[in-house]
Amino acid sequence: MTLVDAVFHLANFAAPALTLALFASAAAKILWRNELRSEPWTSLVGASALASLAAEVAGLVITGRDARMGVYAGMVLACAASLWWSMRRRAGR
């Protein structure tokens, strides 16, 4: 495997987590605009991308394969939990 192949392989591995983070953060900013008014969009995307990517890596370690439906469900739950935590943290201030 060449270096270019390895970079594309890692990019394709991270793409579902990053895409989920982008869309979920945008939807959260639209749906809960009062609660998330002071939270920067970039921090929402960063937190949810990190949580989704961690869930994807954990799913790869546990199942031995990526792109399984259970792993994707875990990514959605991790992303939703990180957005919920951001909303609750801001509401408490």
Protein backbone atom coordinates (compact mmCIF):
# COMPACT_ATOMS: atom_id res chain seq x y z
CA MET A 1 0.00 0.00 0.00
CA THR A 2 1.43 3.35 -0.98
CA LEU A 3 1.24 6.49 1.11
CA VAL A 4 -1.48 7.92 -1.11
CA ASP A 5 -3.54 4.75 -0.72
CA ALA A 6 -3.13 4.88 3.06
CA VAL A 7 -4.26 8.51 3.19
CA PHE A 8 -7.33 7.77 1.06
CA HIS A 9 -8.09 4.71 3.18
CA LEU A 10 -7.99 6.75 6.41
CA ALA A 11 -10.01 9.56 4.83
CA ASN A 12 -12.70 7.11 3.74
CA PHE A 13 -12.72 5.59 7.23
CA ALA A 14 -13.28 9.00 8.88
CA ALA A 15 -15.71 10.37 6.28
CA PRO A 16 -18.95 8.92 7.80
CA ALA A 17 -18.11 10.29 11.26
CA LEU A 18 -17.26 13.74 9.94
CA THR A 19 -20.31 13.90 7.69
CA LEU A 20 -22.58 12.86 10.54
CA ALA A 21 -21.00 15.50 12.78
CA LEU A 22 -21.52 18.25 10.21
CA PHE A 23 -25.17 17.47 9.53
CA ALA A 24 -26.10 16.77 13.16
CA SER A 25 -24.44 19.95 14.41
CA ALA A 26 -26.16 22.03 11.78
CA ALA A 27 -29.52 20.48 12.67
CA ALA A 28 -28.88 21.06 16.39
CA LYS A 29 -28.05 24.73 15.80
CA ILE A 30 -31.28 25.13 13.82
CA LEU A 31 -33.58 23.17 16.16
CA TRP A 32 -32.20 24.41 19.49
CA ARG A 33 -31.06 27.89 18.49
CA ASN A 34 -31.93 29.45 21.85
CA GLU A 35 -30.11 26.86 23.93
CA LEU A 36 -27.07 26.75 21.64
CA ARG A 37 -26.89 30.45 20.80
CA SER A 38 -23.60 31.03 22.60
CA GLU A 39 -22.02 27.72 21.53
CA PRO A 40 -19.82 28.11 18.42
CA TRP A 41 -20.74 25.85 15.53
CA THR A 42 -17.14 24.69 15.18
CA SER A 43 -17.03 23.42 18.76
CA LEU A 44 -20.25 21.47 18.21
CA VAL A 45 -18.82 19.90 15.07
CA GLY A 46 -15.52 19.13 16.78
CA ALA A 47 -17.09 17.48 19.81
CA SER A 48 -19.57 15.43 17.81
CA ALA A 49 -16.91 14.41 15.24
CA LEU A 50 -14.58 13.29 18.01
CA ALA A 51 -17.36 11.26 19.66
CA SER A 52 -18.45 9.72 16.35
CA LEU A 53 -14.91 8.84 15.37
CA ALA A 54 -14.26 7.29 18.78
CA ALA A 55 -17.39 5.17 18.39
CA GLU A 56 -16.27 4.12 14.91
CA VAL A 57 -12.81 3.09 16.14
CA ALA A 58 -14.37 1.23 19.09
CA GLY A 59 -16.69 -0.58 16.69
CA LEU A 60 -13.75 -1.53 14.50
CA VAL A 61 -11.86 -2.90 17.50
CA ILE A 62 -14.87 -4.81 18.85
CA THR A 63 -16.21 -6.26 15.59
CA GLY A 64 -13.00 -6.45 13.61
CA ARG A 65 -14.60 -4.73 10.61
CA ASP A 66 -15.72 -1.25 9.79
CA ALA A 67 -18.94 -0.21 8.05
CA ARG A 68 -21.29 -2.41 10.11
CA MET A 69 -24.79 -1.21 10.94
CA GLY A 70 -24.22 -1.61 14.68
CA VAL A 71 -21.14 0.60 14.43
CA TYR A 72 -23.14 3.25 12.58
CA ALA A 73 -25.84 3.11 15.26
CA GLY A 74 -23.16 3.62 17.90
CA MET A 75 -21.85 6.60 15.95
CA VAL A 76 -25.30 8.18 15.89
CA LEU A 77 -25.75 7.62 19.62
CA ALA A 78 -22.31 9.04 20.42
CA CYS A 79 -22.92 12.08 18.23
CA ALA A 80 -26.34 12.70 19.79
CA ALA A 81 -24.90 12.31 23.29
CA SER A 82 -22.15 14.83 22.63
CA LEU A 83 -24.63 17.37 21.22
CA TRP A 84 -26.96 16.80 24.17
CA TRP A 85 -24.07 17.30 26.57
CA SER A 86 -23.14 20.57 24.86
CA MET A 87 -26.73 21.78 25.08
CA ARG A 88 -27.08 20.83 28.76
CA ARG A 89 -23.71 22.34 29.63
CA ARG A 90 -24.67 25.67 28.03
CA ALA A 91 -28.15 25.65 29.59
CA GLY A 92 -26.62 25.26 33.05
CA ARG A 93 -24.57 28.46 32.72
